[in-house]
Structure formats: C-alpha cells, structure tokens
Protein backbone atom coordinates (compact mmCIF):
# COMPACT_ATOMS: atom_id res chain seq x y z
CA UNK A 1 6.87 11.77 78.08
CA UNK A 2 10.35 12.26 79.45
CA UNK A 3 11.65 11.51 82.95
CA UNK A 4 12.00 14.33 85.56
CA UNK A 5 15.53 15.20 84.39
CA UNK A 6 14.22 15.68 80.87
CA UNK A 7 15.47 12.51 79.18
CA UNK A 8 14.84 8.77 79.19
CA UNK A 9 17.69 6.29 79.72
CA UNK A 10 17.81 3.80 76.85
CA UNK A 11 21.00 1.90 77.72
CA UNK A 12 23.40 2.04 80.65
CA UNK A 13 26.22 -0.43 81.05
CA UNK A 14 29.89 -0.18 81.96
CA UNK A 15 31.09 3.26 80.87
CA UNK A 16 28.31 3.89 78.34
CA UNK A 17 25.06 5.77 78.76
CA UNK A 18 22.58 6.22 75.91
CA UNK A 19 19.59 8.51 76.44
CA UNK A 20 16.69 9.76 74.35
CA UNK A 21 17.42 13.46 73.89
CA UNK A 22 14.41 15.79 74.23
CA UNK A 23 13.93 18.72 71.82
CA UNK A 24 15.01 22.26 72.64
CA UNK A 25 18.02 21.38 74.77
CA UNK A 26 21.64 21.83 73.74
CA UNK A 27 23.93 18.81 73.89
CA UNK A 28 26.62 21.01 75.50
CA UNK A 29 26.64 24.65 76.58
CA UNK A 30 28.83 27.21 78.36
CA UNK A 31 28.75 27.19 82.19
CA UNK A 32 25.47 28.38 83.65
CA UNK A 33 23.36 27.37 80.65
CA UNK A 34 21.12 24.30 80.68
CA UNK A 35 22.27 21.43 78.50
CA UNK A 36 21.92 17.69 78.22
CA UNK A 37 25.47 17.35 79.55
CA UNK A 38 24.44 19.25 82.72
CA UNK A 39 21.41 16.99 83.15
CA UNK A 40 23.51 13.86 82.67
CA UNK A 41 25.92 15.06 85.35
CA UNK A 42 23.00 15.55 87.73
CA UNK A 43 21.74 12.05 86.92
CA UNK A 44 25.12 10.39 87.44
CA UNK A 45 26.34 12.47 90.34
CA UNK A 46 23.31 12.74 92.54
CA UNK A 47 24.24 15.22 95.26
CA UNK A 48 27.86 15.57 94.11
CA UNK A 49 28.97 18.95 92.74
CA UNK A 50 28.88 18.91 88.95
CA UNK A 51 32.60 19.68 88.68
CA UNK A 52 33.31 16.34 90.39
CA UNK A 53 31.28 14.32 87.87
CA UNK A 54 32.92 13.21 84.64
CA UNK A 55 30.82 13.08 81.46
CA UNK A 56 32.35 12.48 78.03
CA UNK A 57 30.52 13.75 74.93
CA UNK A 58 31.71 11.82 71.84
CA UNK A 59 29.03 13.25 69.50
CA UNK A 60 26.14 15.73 69.43
CA UNK A 61 22.62 16.25 68.18
CA UNK A 62 21.12 19.54 66.99
CA UNK A 63 19.21 21.49 69.63
CA UNK A 64 15.73 20.99 68.08
CA UNK A 65 16.36 17.32 67.23
CA UNK A 66 15.56 14.30 69.41
CA UNK A 67 16.71 10.74 69.74
CA UNK A 68 19.50 8.40 70.75
CA UNK A 69 22.72 10.02 71.93
CA UNK A 70 25.59 8.37 73.81
CA UNK A 71 27.65 9.72 76.71
CA UNK A 72 30.67 8.23 78.46
CA UNK A 73 31.24 7.93 82.20
CA UNK A 74 35.04 7.86 82.06
CA UNK A 75 37.91 9.09 79.91
CA UNK A 76 38.85 5.70 78.51
CA UNK A 77 35.31 5.07 77.26
CA UNK A 78 35.19 8.58 75.78
CA UNK A 79 38.37 7.93 73.80
CA UNK A 80 37.22 4.51 72.61
CA UNK A 81 33.81 5.79 71.51
CA UNK A 82 35.37 8.88 69.95
CA UNK A 83 37.60 6.67 67.82
CA UNK A 84 34.56 4.69 66.65
CA UNK A 85 32.81 7.87 65.55
CA UNK A 86 35.96 9.22 63.89
CA UNK A 87 36.44 5.98 61.95
CA UNK A 88 32.74 5.82 61.04
CA UNK A 89 32.19 2.56 62.86
CA UNK A 90 29.08 3.80 64.63
CA UNK A 91 25.94 3.09 62.62
CA UNK A 92 23.29 5.81 62.97
CA UNK A 93 19.79 5.78 61.53
CA UNK A 94 17.58 8.88 61.51
CA UNK A 95 13.88 9.44 61.00
CA UNK A 96 12.57 12.69 59.62
CA UNK A 97 9.29 14.06 58.29
CA UNK A 98 9.65 16.49 55.42
CA UNK A 99 7.42 18.63 53.25
CA UNK A 100 6.58 17.68 49.68
CA UNK A 101 6.44 14.42 47.74
CA UNK A 102 9.89 12.81 47.73
CA UNK A 103 10.79 11.00 44.52
CA UNK A 104 12.14 8.44 43.89
CA UNK A 105 11.21 6.38 46.95
CA UNK A 106 14.87 5.80 47.78
CA UNK A 107 18.18 7.24 46.73
CA UNK A 108 21.39 9.04 47.61
CA UNK A 109 21.89 12.77 48.06
CA UNK A 110 25.35 14.24 47.65
CA UNK A 111 26.29 17.90 48.02
CA UNK A 112 29.02 20.24 49.16
CA UNK A 113 28.15 21.92 52.47
CA UNK A 114 29.64 25.05 53.96
CA UNK A 115 29.37 25.78 57.69
CA UNK A 116 28.79 29.53 57.75
CA UNK A 117 31.54 31.13 59.84
CA UNK A 118 30.32 32.56 63.15
CA UNK A 119 26.71 31.50 62.57
CA UNK A 120 24.71 28.41 63.65
CA UNK A 121 23.77 27.41 60.12
CA UNK A 122 25.08 25.72 57.00
CA UNK A 123 24.36 26.01 53.29
CA UNK A 124 24.85 24.13 50.05
CA UNK A 125 27.71 25.50 47.91
CA UNK A 126 29.30 24.63 44.61
CA UNK A 127 31.83 21.82 44.51
CA UNK A 128 34.59 24.36 43.90
CA UNK A 129 33.91 26.32 47.08
CA UNK A 130 37.18 26.45 49.08
CA UNK A 131 35.44 25.71 52.39
CA UNK A 132 32.79 23.31 51.12
CA UNK A 133 32.87 19.76 52.45
CA UNK A 134 31.43 16.70 50.80
CA UNK A 135 28.15 15.54 52.34
CA UNK A 136 26.28 12.36 51.41
CA UNK A 137 23.35 10.37 52.75
CA UNK A 138 20.99 7.57 51.75
CA UNK A 139 17.24 7.95 52.22
CA UNK A 140 14.18 5.73 51.99
CA UNK A 141 10.52 6.79 52.07
CA UNK A 142 8.80 4.88 54.86
CA UNK A 143 5.39 6.50 54.36
CA UNK A 144 3.87 9.20 52.17
CA UNK A 145 1.35 11.76 53.41
CA UNK A 146 -0.60 14.55 51.72
CA UNK A 147 1.83 17.08 53.19
CA UNK A 148 5.03 15.16 52.52
CA UNK A 149 6.92 12.06 53.59
CA UNK A 150 8.43 10.19 56.50
CA UNK A 151 12.01 9.26 55.63
CA UNK A 152 14.60 6.92 57.06
CA UNK A 153 18.11 8.23 56.58
CA UNK A 154 21.60 6.80 56.91
CA UNK A 155 24.49 9.23 56.80
CA UNK A 156 27.75 8.65 54.97
CA UNK A 157 29.12 11.87 56.46
CA UNK A 158 28.25 13.96 59.50
CA UNK A 159 28.25 17.62 58.56
CA UNK A 160 26.64 20.50 60.45
CA UNK A 161 22.84 20.39 59.96
CA UNK A 162 23.44 17.96 57.09
CA UNK A 163 20.04 16.27 56.88
CA UNK A 164 18.21 19.56 57.37
CA UNK A 165 20.19 21.41 54.70
CA UNK A 166 20.24 18.63 52.11
CA UNK A 167 16.50 18.01 52.42
CA UNK A 168 15.61 21.72 52.34
CA UNK A 169 17.78 22.36 49.28
CA UNK A 170 15.62 19.86 47.38
CA UNK A 171 12.37 21.51 48.42
CA UNK A 172 11.76 19.19 51.36
CA UNK A 173 12.40 21.13 54.59
CA UNK A 174 12.07 19.18 57.81
CA UNK A 175 8.72 19.86 59.48
CA UNK A 176 8.99 22.66 62.02
CA UNK A 177 12.44 23.71 60.84
CA UNK A 178 11.78 27.40 60.16
CA UNK A 179 15.52 28.05 59.94
CA UNK A 180 15.61 26.13 56.67
CA UNK A 181 12.26 27.11 55.21
CA UNK A 182 9.60 24.90 56.79
CA UNK A 183 6.09 26.33 56.71
CA UNK A 184 4.49 23.43 58.61
CA UNK A 185 4.35 23.47 62.42
CA UNK A 186 5.57 20.48 64.38
CA UNK A 187 5.27 19.47 68.02
CA UNK A 188 3.85 21.37 70.99
CA UNK A 189 4.11 25.18 70.58
CA UNK A 190 6.46 27.28 72.75
CA UNK A 191 6.77 31.03 73.08
CA UNK A 192 10.52 30.55 73.14
CA UNK A 193 11.29 29.14 69.69
CA UNK A 194 14.57 27.72 70.97
CA UNK A 195 12.53 25.05 72.75
CA UNK A 196 10.62 24.06 69.61
CA UNK A 197 11.03 20.57 68.17
CA UNK A 198 11.62 19.72 64.54
CA UNK A 199 10.80 16.37 62.93
CA UNK A 200 14.35 15.02 63.07
CA UNK A 201 14.99 12.03 65.30
CA UNK A 202 18.06 9.84 65.85
CA UNK A 203 16.14 6.58 65.65
CA UNK A 204 18.93 4.09 66.35
CA UNK A 205 22.57 3.93 67.34
CA UNK A 206 24.80 0.86 66.93
CA UNK A 207 28.25 0.82 68.51
CA UNK A 208 30.77 -1.54 70.10
CA UNK A 209 30.82 -1.43 73.89
CA UNK A 210 34.47 -0.59 74.72
CA UNK A 211 34.38 -2.87 77.79
CA UNK A 212 32.73 -6.03 76.44
CA UNK A 213 33.62 -5.49 72.76
CA UNK A 214 30.08 -6.58 71.94
CA UNK A 215 27.96 -4.71 69.40
CA UNK A 216 25.08 -2.80 70.98
CA UNK A 217 22.07 -1.43 69.11
CA UNK A 218 19.82 1.08 70.86
CA UNK A 219 16.48 2.24 69.44
CA UNK A 220 14.84 5.48 70.57
CA UNK A 221 11.04 5.81 70.36
CA UNK A 222 9.56 8.97 68.86
CA UNK A 223 7.28 11.28 70.82
CA UNK A 224 3.52 10.90 70.56
CA UNK A 225 3.19 14.11 68.54
CA UNK A 226 4.82 12.46 65.51
CA UNK A 227 2.37 11.50 62.72
CA UNK A 228 0.63 8.14 63.14
CA UNK A 229 0.90 5.60 60.32
CA UNK A 230 2.17 2.29 61.71
C-alpha cells in the first residue's frame, strides 16, 4: 500500500530523498503528464507552485518497475549524486521474477544491446552492431517455482531495459512484461496497460550522502502481490 501521493518515503536527509516507486508511473514526463517527479514536487512543496520547487533526478526506473529511487532537493546534491552514478559508485540490487527454470543457479550475462531509435524498447544485437552497447549483469536464483524463478540481480552496466531484454533473450521474460514476451500475468489488472506492473523491483540502493559523506543503504519492500516464499 502506497501513501496518498502514490509513493512511500524510504529515506529523507539533507538533500537526498529516496522513495519506493509505484508501478505504472513515469519517473519524468513532459509538462501536464503525471510522473513521480511531479508527485515529489507536490510532496516537497506543499502549497507552493511546482515551478518554484526544485527536484533533481539523477537516475530513472522503467515505468512498470517499482522500488528504490533517489531524488535530490538541490542542485549541488544532484551534481554529487549524478557523479556517483556516472562513476558507478552507486550499488543497486534488483529483484525480478521470470518465467522458466534458470540454470545455473548463478552466473553472468553479457550481451550487446541496441536502443531502438524513436521507440521505447531495446533489443539484443550482434557484437559488431555499430550502435550496440555492452551490457552485463550478475544474477543469483533466490527461489525456484513451478513457473520460473525469483532472481537477485546486480548490474555492471545500466542500459535501457537491460534486465528485461537480457532475461527475455534467454527465454526468461519478466512476469507481466508483455513487451518482451511474458505470457504470465503479474499484479493487479488495469484496463490501461500503461499502469500495469511487471515483476522488476529495485530492491536496494547504496550511495554516499553528499552532505555527511557517509554510506547509506536503503531497502525497498516489495508489494504484497509478489509471490510468497520467505
């Protein structure tokens, strides 16, 4: 269950704000369209006009995904956090449920991914593709089910739809992710498929607070419609 503004605050200190992103909402959007950025401005600004409220967005999550995402309350914090992401000093762990038996129980996936021009999707291409970019991740099976597996994933790179594309290309689409071939429903149903969740969750986020210089680790709980096994 999310708070009235559609997200739960997981960490708020100095210039940093980490929330648990709900499914079906864009991280950012053009003016007049609902987004998590708009909701954060409403949370921080109260009755102030949105144009008077500063919100920095150092990274993003896919619309149907959920989990820990960090925002900045001032420009300095935005720049400091942005540098951490750019230099891969932010440690991110993801949980995902996928179709099919994943073998071996742990390993590394490496591919070349192409972000399709003008379209909100990506695909695996040959290593010689002129616009392909190296994509790599490490996975571990946390639990196996009859329909598939619950994985924990750590990214080496952060490409568009990386986890979704790499898993689907191996016959393991993320549950609910029709865009990449899933045939298994996930989460509460919506008539508007843009609001539909997929089983991809940013489980934890570890970063250095730009003000205190202390390492901070934030863990985001999954929704109650995720499979039970713990």
